[in-house]
Amino acid sequence: MGLFSKIMLAPLAPAFGVITLARELQREANEQLYGEQALRRELVALQQAVDNGEMTEAEYDAAEYDILWRLEQARRAAADASG
């Protein structure tokens, strides 16, 4: 980028920073929702809830299905992004 371009785009620098921050926040949110480690922690928490009697087997099955579906979506997205 030339000097002229840098001078002309300088007033937009804060906007570029906000966009970069928004992208990083989106990436982190996706990791929290669809990251394998987060989903594994959720599965462990579900199993503990069943073991402690806080949830029925039917509730566990429904929640487990949702988590496994999200895990599959995350793996597909990763496969699409890599190739």
PDB file of N, CA and C in Angstrom:
ATOM      1  N   MET A   1       0.849  -1.154   0.000  1.00  0.00           N
ATOM      2  CA  MET A   1       0.000   0.000   0.000  1.00  0.00           C
ATOM      3  C   MET A   1       0.905   1.229   0.000  1.00  0.00           C
ATOM      4  N   GLY A   2       0.615   2.147  -0.869  1.00  0.00           N
ATOM      5  CA  GLY A   2       1.430   3.338  -0.988  1.00  0.00           C
ATOM      6  C   GLY A   2       1.153   4.345   0.106  1.00  0.00           C
ATOM      7  N   LEU A   3       2.000   5.327   0.181  1.00  0.00           N
ATOM      8  CA  LEU A   3       1.866   6.372   1.188  1.00  0.00           C
ATOM      9  C   LEU A   3       0.540   7.121   1.030  1.00  0.00           C
ATOM     10  N   PHE A   4       0.182   7.429  -0.205  1.00  0.00           N
ATOM     11  CA  PHE A   4      -1.071   8.136  -0.452  1.00  0.00           C
ATOM     12  C   PHE A   4      -2.263   7.323   0.060  1.00  0.00           C
ATOM     13  N   SER A   5      -2.259   6.033  -0.217  1.00  0.00           N
ATOM     14  CA  SER A   5      -3.352   5.177   0.248  1.00  0.00           C
ATOM     15  C   SER A   5      -3.427   5.149   1.766  1.00  0.00           C
ATOM     16  N   LYS A   6      -2.283   5.062   2.408  1.00  0.00           N
ATOM     17  CA  LYS A   6      -2.259   5.053   3.876  1.00  0.00           C
ATOM     18  C   LYS A   6      -2.824   6.345   4.446  1.00  0.00           C
ATOM     19  N   ILE A   7      -2.459   7.454   3.836  1.00  0.00           N
ATOM     20  CA  ILE A   7      -2.957   8.749   4.314  1.00  0.00           C
ATOM     21  C   ILE A   7      -4.469   8.843   4.120  1.00  0.00           C
ATOM     22  N   MET A   8      -4.938   8.398   2.975  1.00  0.00           N
ATOM     23  CA  MET A   8      -6.369   8.485   2.688  1.00  0.00           C
ATOM     24  C   MET A   8      -7.205   7.546   3.562  1.00  0.00           C
ATOM     25  N   LEU A   9      -6.642   6.414   3.910  1.00  0.00           N
ATOM     26  CA  LEU A   9      -7.387   5.434   4.710  1.00  0.00           C
ATOM     27  C   LEU A   9      -7.188   5.604   6.213  1.00  0.00           C
ATOM     28  N   ALA A  10      -6.315   6.502   6.629  1.00  0.00           N
ATOM     29  CA  ALA A  10      -6.041   6.705   8.056  1.00  0.00           C
ATOM     30  C   ALA A  10      -7.309   6.985   8.872  1.00  0.00           C
ATOM     31  N   PRO A  11      -8.230   7.810   8.378  1.00  0.00           N
ATOM     32  CA  PRO A  11      -9.447   8.050   9.180  1.00  0.00           C
ATOM     33  C   PRO A  11     -10.295   6.796   9.388  1.00  0.00           C
ATOM     34  N   LEU A  12     -10.113   5.802   8.548  1.00  0.00           N
ATOM     35  CA  LEU A  12     -10.895   4.570   8.670  1.00  0.00           C
ATOM     36  C   LEU A  12     -10.228   3.533   9.571  1.00  0.00           C
ATOM     37  N   ALA A  13      -9.033   3.826  10.077  1.00  0.00           N
ATOM     38  CA  ALA A  13      -8.303   2.867  10.901  1.00  0.00           C
ATOM     39  C   ALA A  13      -9.130   2.360  12.082  1.00  0.00           C
ATOM     40  N   PRO A  14      -9.848   3.225  12.815  1.00  0.00           N
ATOM     41  CA  PRO A  14     -10.670   2.694  13.919  1.00  0.00           C
ATOM     42  C   PRO A  14     -11.731   1.702  13.434  1.00  0.00           C
ATOM     43  N   ALA A  15     -12.303   1.950  12.272  1.00  0.00           N
ATOM     44  CA  ALA A  15     -13.307   1.024  11.741  1.00  0.00           C
ATOM     45  C   ALA A  15     -12.677  -0.327  11.432  1.00  0.00           C
ATOM     46  N   PHE A  16     -11.472  -0.307  10.872  1.00  0.00           N
ATOM     47  CA  PHE A  16     -10.794  -1.574  10.584  1.00  0.00           C
ATOM     48  C   PHE A  16     -10.507  -2.333  11.877  1.00  0.00           C
ATOM     49  N   GLY A  17     -10.177  -1.589  12.934  1.00  0.00           N
ATOM     50  CA  GLY A  17      -9.936  -2.223  14.234  1.00  0.00           C
ATOM     51  C   GLY A  17     -11.196  -2.867  14.783  1.00  0.00           C
ATOM     52  N   VAL A  18     -12.308  -2.196  14.642  1.00  0.00           N
ATOM     53  CA  VAL A  18     -13.586  -2.737  15.117  1.00  0.00           C
ATOM     54  C   VAL A  18     -13.953  -3.989  14.326  1.00  0.00           C
ATOM     55  N   ILE A  19     -13.721  -3.960  13.030  1.00  0.00           N
ATOM     56  CA  ILE A  19     -14.022  -5.126  12.194  1.00  0.00           C
ATOM     57  C   ILE A  19     -13.146  -6.307  12.600  1.00  0.00           C
ATOM     58  N   THR A  20     -11.870  -6.041  12.831  1.00  0.00           N
ATOM     59  CA  THR A  20     -10.963  -7.104  13.261  1.00  0.00           C
ATOM     60  C   THR A  20     -11.402  -7.682  14.599  1.00  0.00           C
ATOM     61  N   LEU A  21     -11.788  -6.822  15.516  1.00  0.00           N
ATOM     62  CA  LEU A  21     -12.268  -7.269  16.828  1.00  0.00           C
ATOM     63  C   LEU A  21     -13.540  -8.102  16.681  1.00  0.00           C
ATOM     64  N   ALA A  22     -14.457  -7.665  15.840  1.00  0.00           N
ATOM     65  CA  ALA A  22     -15.704  -8.406  15.632  1.00  0.00           C
ATOM     66  C   ALA A  22     -15.420  -9.794  15.068  1.00  0.00           C
ATOM     67  N   ARG A  23     -14.498  -9.880  14.138  1.00  0.00           N
ATOM     68  CA  ARG A  23     -14.145 -11.199  13.575  1.00  0.00           C
ATOM     69  C   ARG A  23     -13.536 -12.109  14.635  1.00  0.00           C
ATOM     70  N   GLU A  24     -12.697 -11.553  15.489  1.00  0.00           N
ATOM     71  CA  GLU A  24     -12.082 -12.350  16.559  1.00  0.00           C
ATOM     72  C   GLU A  24     -13.141 -12.812  17.561  1.00  0.00           C
ATOM     73  N   LEU A  25     -14.086 -11.939  17.888  1.00  0.00           N
ATOM     74  CA  LEU A  25     -15.158 -12.325  18.798  1.00  0.00           C
ATOM     75  C   LEU A  25     -16.040 -13.420  18.192  1.00  0.00           C
ATOM     76  N   GLN A  26     -16.291 -13.320  16.897  1.00  0.00           N
ATOM     77  CA  GLN A  26     -17.079 -14.348  16.221  1.00  0.00           C
ATOM     78  C   GLN A  26     -16.341 -15.683  16.237  1.00  0.00           C
ATOM     79  N   ARG A  27     -15.041 -15.650  15.982  1.00  0.00           N
ATOM     80  CA  ARG A  27     -14.248 -16.878  15.998  1.00  0.00           C
ATOM     81  C   ARG A  27     -14.276 -17.518  17.389  1.00  0.00           C
ATOM     82  N   GLU A  28     -14.124 -16.698  18.415  1.00  0.00           N
ATOM     83  CA  GLU A  28     -14.130 -17.214  19.784  1.00  0.00           C
ATOM     84  C   GLU A  28     -15.509 -17.769  20.156  1.00  0.00           C
ATOM     85  N   ALA A  29     -16.560 -17.094  19.741  1.00  0.00           N
ATOM     86  CA  ALA A  29     -17.912 -17.583  20.023  1.00  0.00           C
ATOM     87  C   ALA A  29     -18.146 -18.926  19.344  1.00  0.00           C
ATOM     88  N   ASN A  30     -17.702 -19.051  18.106  1.00  0.00           N
ATOM     89  CA  ASN A  30     -17.839 -20.329  17.404  1.00  0.00           C
ATOM     90  C   ASN A  30     -17.051 -21.425  18.105  1.00  0.00           C
ATOM     91  N   GLU A  31     -15.885 -21.079  18.611  1.00  0.00           N
ATOM     92  CA  GLU A  31     -15.084 -22.072  19.337  1.00  0.00           C
ATOM     93  C   GLU A  31     -15.800 -22.509  20.611  1.00  0.00           C
ATOM     94  N   GLN A  32     -16.434 -21.558  21.297  1.00  0.00           N
ATOM     95  CA  GLN A  32     -17.158 -21.896  22.518  1.00  0.00           C
ATOM     96  C   GLN A  32     -18.386 -22.751  22.235  1.00  0.00           C
ATOM     97  N   LEU A  33     -19.034 -22.516  21.113  1.00  0.00           N
ATOM     98  CA  LEU A  33     -20.240 -23.267  20.772  1.00  0.00           C
ATOM     99  C   LEU A  33     -19.935 -24.594  20.102  1.00  0.00           C
ATOM    100  N   TYR A  34     -18.977 -24.592  19.205  1.00  0.00           N
ATOM    101  CA  TYR A  34     -18.750 -25.760  18.357  1.00  0.00           C
ATOM    102  C   TYR A  34     -17.386 -26.418  18.535  1.00  0.00           C
ATOM    103  N   GLY A  35     -16.539 -25.874  19.367  1.00  0.00           N
ATOM    104  CA  GLY A  35     -15.225 -26.475  19.581  1.00  0.00           C
ATOM    105  C   GLY A  35     -15.359 -27.844  20.229  1.00  0.00           C
ATOM    106  N   GLU A  36     -14.522 -28.765  19.797  1.00  0.00           N
ATOM    107  CA  GLU A  36     -14.626 -30.132  20.311  1.00  0.00           C
ATOM    108  C   GLU A  36     -14.427 -30.195  21.820  1.00  0.00           C
ATOM    109  N   GLN A  37     -13.499 -29.414  22.356  1.00  0.00           N
ATOM    110  CA  GLN A  37     -13.265 -29.444  23.795  1.00  0.00           C
ATOM    111  C   GLN A  37     -14.490 -28.949  24.566  1.00  0.00           C
ATOM    112  N   ALA A  38     -15.107 -27.894  24.076  1.00  0.00           N
ATOM    113  CA  ALA A  38     -16.300 -27.365  24.746  1.00  0.00           C
ATOM    114  C   ALA A  38     -17.439 -28.383  24.714  1.00  0.00           C
ATOM    115  N   LEU A  39     -17.604 -29.032  23.566  1.00  0.00           N
ATOM    116  CA  LEU A  39     -18.682 -30.017  23.445  1.00  0.00           C
ATOM    117  C   LEU A  39     -18.405 -31.240  24.309  1.00  0.00           C
ATOM    118  N   ARG A  40     -17.162 -31.635  24.412  1.00  0.00           N
ATOM    119  CA  ARG A  40     -16.820 -32.761  25.301  1.00  0.00           C
ATOM    120  C   ARG A  40     -17.124 -32.409  26.759  1.00  0.00           C
ATOM    121  N   ARG A  41     -16.806 -31.163  27.142  1.00  0.00           N
ATOM    122  CA  ARG A  41     -17.114 -30.734  28.517  1.00  0.00           C
ATOM    123  C   ARG A  41     -18.617 -30.774  28.763  1.00  0.00           C
ATOM    124  N   GLU A  42     -19.393 -30.380  27.761  1.00  0.00           N
ATOM    125  CA  GLU A  42     -20.853 -30.422  27.913  1.00  0.00           C
ATOM    126  C   GLU A  42     -21.345 -31.851  28.089  1.00  0.00           C
ATOM    127  N   LEU A  43     -20.764 -32.780  27.334  1.00  0.00           N
ATOM    128  CA  LEU A  43     -21.167 -34.181  27.469  1.00  0.00           C
ATOM    129  C   LEU A  43     -20.845 -34.717  28.857  1.00  0.00           C
ATOM    130  N   VAL A  44     -19.681 -34.362  29.382  1.00  0.00           N
ATOM    131  CA  VAL A  44     -19.301 -34.793  30.729  1.00  0.00           C
ATOM    132  C   VAL A  44     -20.256 -34.199  31.758  1.00  0.00           C
ATOM    133  N   ALA A  45     -20.594 -32.924  31.583  1.00  0.00           N
ATOM    134  CA  ALA A  45     -21.527 -32.276  32.516  1.00  0.00           C
ATOM    135  C   ALA A  45     -22.905 -32.937  32.460  1.00  0.00           C
ATOM    136  N   LEU A  46     -23.322 -33.317  31.264  1.00  0.00           N
ATOM    137  CA  LEU A  46     -24.616 -34.009  31.135  1.00  0.00           C
ATOM    138  C   LEU A  46     -24.590 -35.340  31.875  1.00  0.00           C
ATOM    139  N   GLN A  47     -23.513 -36.085  31.695  1.00  0.00           N
ATOM    140  CA  GLN A  47     -23.406 -37.385  32.356  1.00  0.00           C
ATOM    141  C   GLN A  47     -23.416 -37.218  33.877  1.00  0.00           C
ATOM    142  N   GLN A  48     -22.727 -36.195  34.358  1.00  0.00           N
ATOM    143  CA  GLN A  48     -22.728 -35.932  35.801  1.00  0.00           C
ATOM    144  C   GLN A  48     -24.125 -35.561  36.288  1.00  0.00           C
ATOM    145  N   ALA A  49     -24.861 -34.813  35.487  1.00  0.00           N
ATOM    146  CA  ALA A  49     -26.227 -34.444  35.873  1.00  0.00           C
ATOM    147  C   ALA A  49     -27.105 -35.681  35.981  1.00  0.00           C
ATOM    148  N   VAL A  50     -26.937 -36.625  35.061  1.00  0.00           N
ATOM    149  CA  VAL A  50     -27.713 -37.869  35.131  1.00  0.00           C
ATOM    150  C   VAL A  50     -27.288 -38.666  36.359  1.00  0.00           C
ATOM    151  N   ASP A  51     -25.998 -38.755  36.592  1.00  0.00           N
ATOM    152  CA  ASP A  51     -25.493 -39.506  37.742  1.00  0.00           C
ATOM    153  C   ASP A  51     -25.973 -38.917  39.063  1.00  0.00           C
ATOM    154  N   ASN A  52     -26.130 -37.598  39.105  1.00  0.00           N
ATOM    155  CA  ASN A  52     -26.579 -36.934  40.330  1.00  0.00           C
ATOM    156  C   ASN A  52     -28.101 -36.865  40.445  1.00  0.00           C
ATOM    157  N   GLY A  53     -28.803 -37.385  39.458  1.00  0.00           N
ATOM    158  CA  GLY A  53     -30.256 -37.384  39.490  1.00  0.00           C
ATOM    159  C   GLY A  53     -30.887 -36.052  39.139  1.00  0.00           C
ATOM    160  N   GLU A  54     -30.109 -35.168  38.535  1.00  0.00           N
ATOM    161  CA  GLU A  54     -30.617 -33.843  38.179  1.00  0.00           C
ATOM    162  C   GLU A  54     -31.341 -33.844  36.843  1.00  0.00           C
ATOM    163  N   MET A  55     -31.235 -34.955  36.110  1.00  0.00           N
ATOM    164  CA  MET A  55     -31.807 -35.028  34.775  1.00  0.00           C
ATOM    165  C   MET A  55     -32.171 -36.481  34.487  1.00  0.00           C
ATOM    166  N   THR A  56     -33.235 -36.661  33.733  1.00  0.00           N
ATOM    167  CA  THR A  56     -33.654 -38.020  33.386  1.00  0.00           C
ATOM    168  C   THR A  56     -32.863 -38.519  32.182  1.00  0.00           C
ATOM    169  N   GLU A  57     -32.952 -39.796  31.932  1.00  0.00           N
ATOM    170  CA  GLU A  57     -32.282 -40.385  30.766  1.00  0.00           C
ATOM    171  C   GLU A  57     -32.835 -39.805  29.463  1.00  0.00           C
ATOM    172  N   ALA A  58     -34.141 -39.551  29.431  1.00  0.00           N
ATOM    173  CA  ALA A  58     -34.749 -38.984  28.223  1.00  0.00           C
ATOM    174  C   ALA A  58     -34.218 -37.571  27.957  1.00  0.00           C
ATOM    175  N   GLU A  59     -34.104 -36.782  29.021  1.00  0.00           N
ATOM    176  CA  GLU A  59     -33.542 -35.437  28.862  1.00  0.00           C
ATOM    177  C   GLU A  59     -32.090 -35.515  28.417  1.00  0.00           C
ATOM    178  N   TYR A  60     -31.368 -36.464  28.992  1.00  0.00           N
ATOM    179  CA  TYR A  60     -29.965 -36.667  28.615  1.00  0.00           C
ATOM    180  C   TYR A  60     -29.857 -37.023  27.133  1.00  0.00           C
ATOM    181  N   ASP A  61     -30.702 -37.948  26.698  1.00  0.00           N
ATOM    182  CA  ASP A  61     -30.652 -38.373  25.294  1.00  0.00           C
ATOM    183  C   ASP A  61     -30.905 -37.209  24.343  1.00  0.00           C
ATOM    184  N   ALA A  62     -31.865 -36.366  24.677  1.00  0.00           N
ATOM    185  CA  ALA A  62     -32.172 -35.211  23.818  1.00  0.00           C
ATOM    186  C   ALA A  62     -31.009 -34.225  23.797  1.00  0.00           C
ATOM    187  N   ALA A  63     -30.443 -33.945  24.965  1.00  0.00           N
ATOM    188  CA  ALA A  63     -29.327 -33.008  25.037  1.00  0.00           C
ATOM    189  C   ALA A  63     -28.084 -33.583  24.364  1.00  0.00           C
ATOM    190  N   GLU A  64     -27.855 -34.881  24.536  1.00  0.00           N
ATOM    191  CA  GLU A  64     -26.713 -35.526  23.904  1.00  0.00           C
ATOM    192  C   GLU A  64     -26.838 -35.464  22.384  1.00  0.00           C
ATOM    193  N   TYR A  65     -28.029 -35.692  21.872  1.00  0.00           N
ATOM    194  CA  TYR A  65     -28.263 -35.614  20.432  1.00  0.00           C
ATOM    195  C   TYR A  65     -27.913 -34.221  19.911  1.00  0.00           C
ATOM    196  N   ASP A  66     -28.342 -33.188  20.633  1.00  0.00           N
ATOM    197  CA  ASP A  66     -28.054 -31.814  20.231  1.00  0.00           C
ATOM    198  C   ASP A  66     -26.547 -31.558  20.202  1.00  0.00           C
ATOM    199  N   ILE A  67     -25.839 -31.995  21.211  1.00  0.00           N
ATOM    200  CA  ILE A  67     -24.390 -31.785  21.280  1.00  0.00           C
ATOM    201  C   ILE A  67     -23.687 -32.542  20.163  1.00  0.00           C
ATOM    202  N   LEU A  68     -24.082 -33.783  19.929  1.00  0.00           N
ATOM    203  CA  LEU A  68     -23.449 -34.560  18.861  1.00  0.00           C
ATOM    204  C   LEU A  68     -23.740 -33.961  17.491  1.00  0.00           C
ATOM    205  N   TRP A  69     -24.936 -33.382  17.314  1.00  0.00           N
ATOM    206  CA  TRP A  69     -25.259 -32.712  16.061  1.00  0.00           C
ATOM    207  C   TRP A  69     -24.348 -31.502  15.853  1.00  0.00           C
ATOM    208  N   ARG A  70     -24.148 -30.717  16.918  1.00  0.00           N
ATOM    209  CA  ARG A  70     -23.265 -29.552  16.837  1.00  0.00           C
ATOM    210  C   ARG A  70     -21.829 -29.973  16.546  1.00  0.00           C
ATOM    211  N   LEU A  71     -21.403 -31.086  17.127  1.00  0.00           N
ATOM    212  CA  LEU A  71     -20.057 -31.592  16.872  1.00  0.00           C
ATOM    213  C   LEU A  71     -19.902 -31.982  15.406  1.00  0.00           C
ATOM    214  N   GLU A  72     -20.896 -32.637  14.856  1.00  0.00           N
ATOM    215  CA  GLU A  72     -20.864 -33.022  13.444  1.00  0.00           C
ATOM    216  C   GLU A  72     -20.813 -31.782  12.548  1.00  0.00           C
ATOM    217  N   GLN A  73     -21.597 -30.755  12.891  1.00  0.00           N
ATOM    218  CA  GLN A  73     -21.578 -29.514  12.113  1.00  0.00           C
ATOM    219  C   GLN A  73     -20.206 -28.856  12.171  1.00  0.00           C
ATOM    220  N   ALA A  74     -19.586 -28.880  13.330  1.00  0.00           N
ATOM    221  CA  ALA A  74     -18.254 -28.276  13.480  1.00  0.00           C
ATOM    222  C   ALA A  74     -17.230 -29.028  12.639  1.00  0.00           C
ATOM    223  N   ARG A  75     -17.320 -30.347  12.630  1.00  0.00           N
ATOM    224  CA  ARG A  75     -16.370 -31.135  11.835  1.00  0.00           C
ATOM    225  C   ARG A  75     -16.579 -30.901  10.345  1.00  0.00           C
ATOM    226  N   ARG A  76     -17.826 -30.791   9.925  1.00  0.00           N
ATOM    227  CA  ARG A  76     -18.088 -30.495   8.504  1.00  0.00           C
ATOM    228  C   ARG A  76     -17.552 -29.135   8.103  1.00  0.00           C
ATOM    229  N   ALA A  77     -17.774 -28.144   8.975  1.00  0.00           N
ATOM    230  CA  ALA A  77     -17.286 -26.789   8.678  1.00  0.00           C
ATOM    231  C   ALA A  77     -15.771 -26.770   8.592  1.00  0.00           C
ATOM    232  N   ALA A  78     -15.115 -27.513   9.477  1.00  0.00           N
ATOM    233  CA  ALA A  78     -13.648 -27.580   9.459  1.00  0.00           C
ATOM    234  C   ALA A  78     -13.160 -28.268   8.189  1.00  0.00           C
ATOM    235  N   ALA A  79     -13.860 -29.317   7.786  1.00  0.00           N
ATOM    236  CA  ALA A  79     -13.480 -30.026   6.557  1.00  0.00           C
ATOM    237  C   ALA A  79     -13.688 -29.134   5.329  1.00  0.00           C
ATOM    238  N   ASP A  80     -14.776 -28.367   5.311  1.00  0.00           N
ATOM    239  CA  ASP A  80     -15.039 -27.460   4.199  1.00  0.00           C
ATOM    240  C   ASP A  80     -13.992 -26.349   4.141  1.00  0.00           C
ATOM    241  N   ALA A  81     -13.580 -25.864   5.301  1.00  0.00           N
ATOM    242  CA  ALA A  81     -12.615 -24.772   5.354  1.00  0.00           C
ATOM    243  C   ALA A  81     -11.210 -25.233   4.938  1.00  0.00           C
ATOM    244  N   SER A  82     -10.896 -26.482   5.209  1.00  0.00           N
ATOM    245  CA  SER A  82      -9.553 -26.968   4.887  1.00  0.00           C
ATOM    246  C   SER A  82      -9.429 -27.473   3.468  1.00  0.00           C
ATOM    247  N   GLY A  83     -10.526 -27.746   2.836  1.00  0.00           N
ATOM    248  CA  GLY A  83     -10.319 -28.288   1.507  1.00  0.00           C
ATOM    249  C   GLY A  83     -11.453 -28.174   0.647  1.00  0.00           C
TER     250      GLY A  83
END
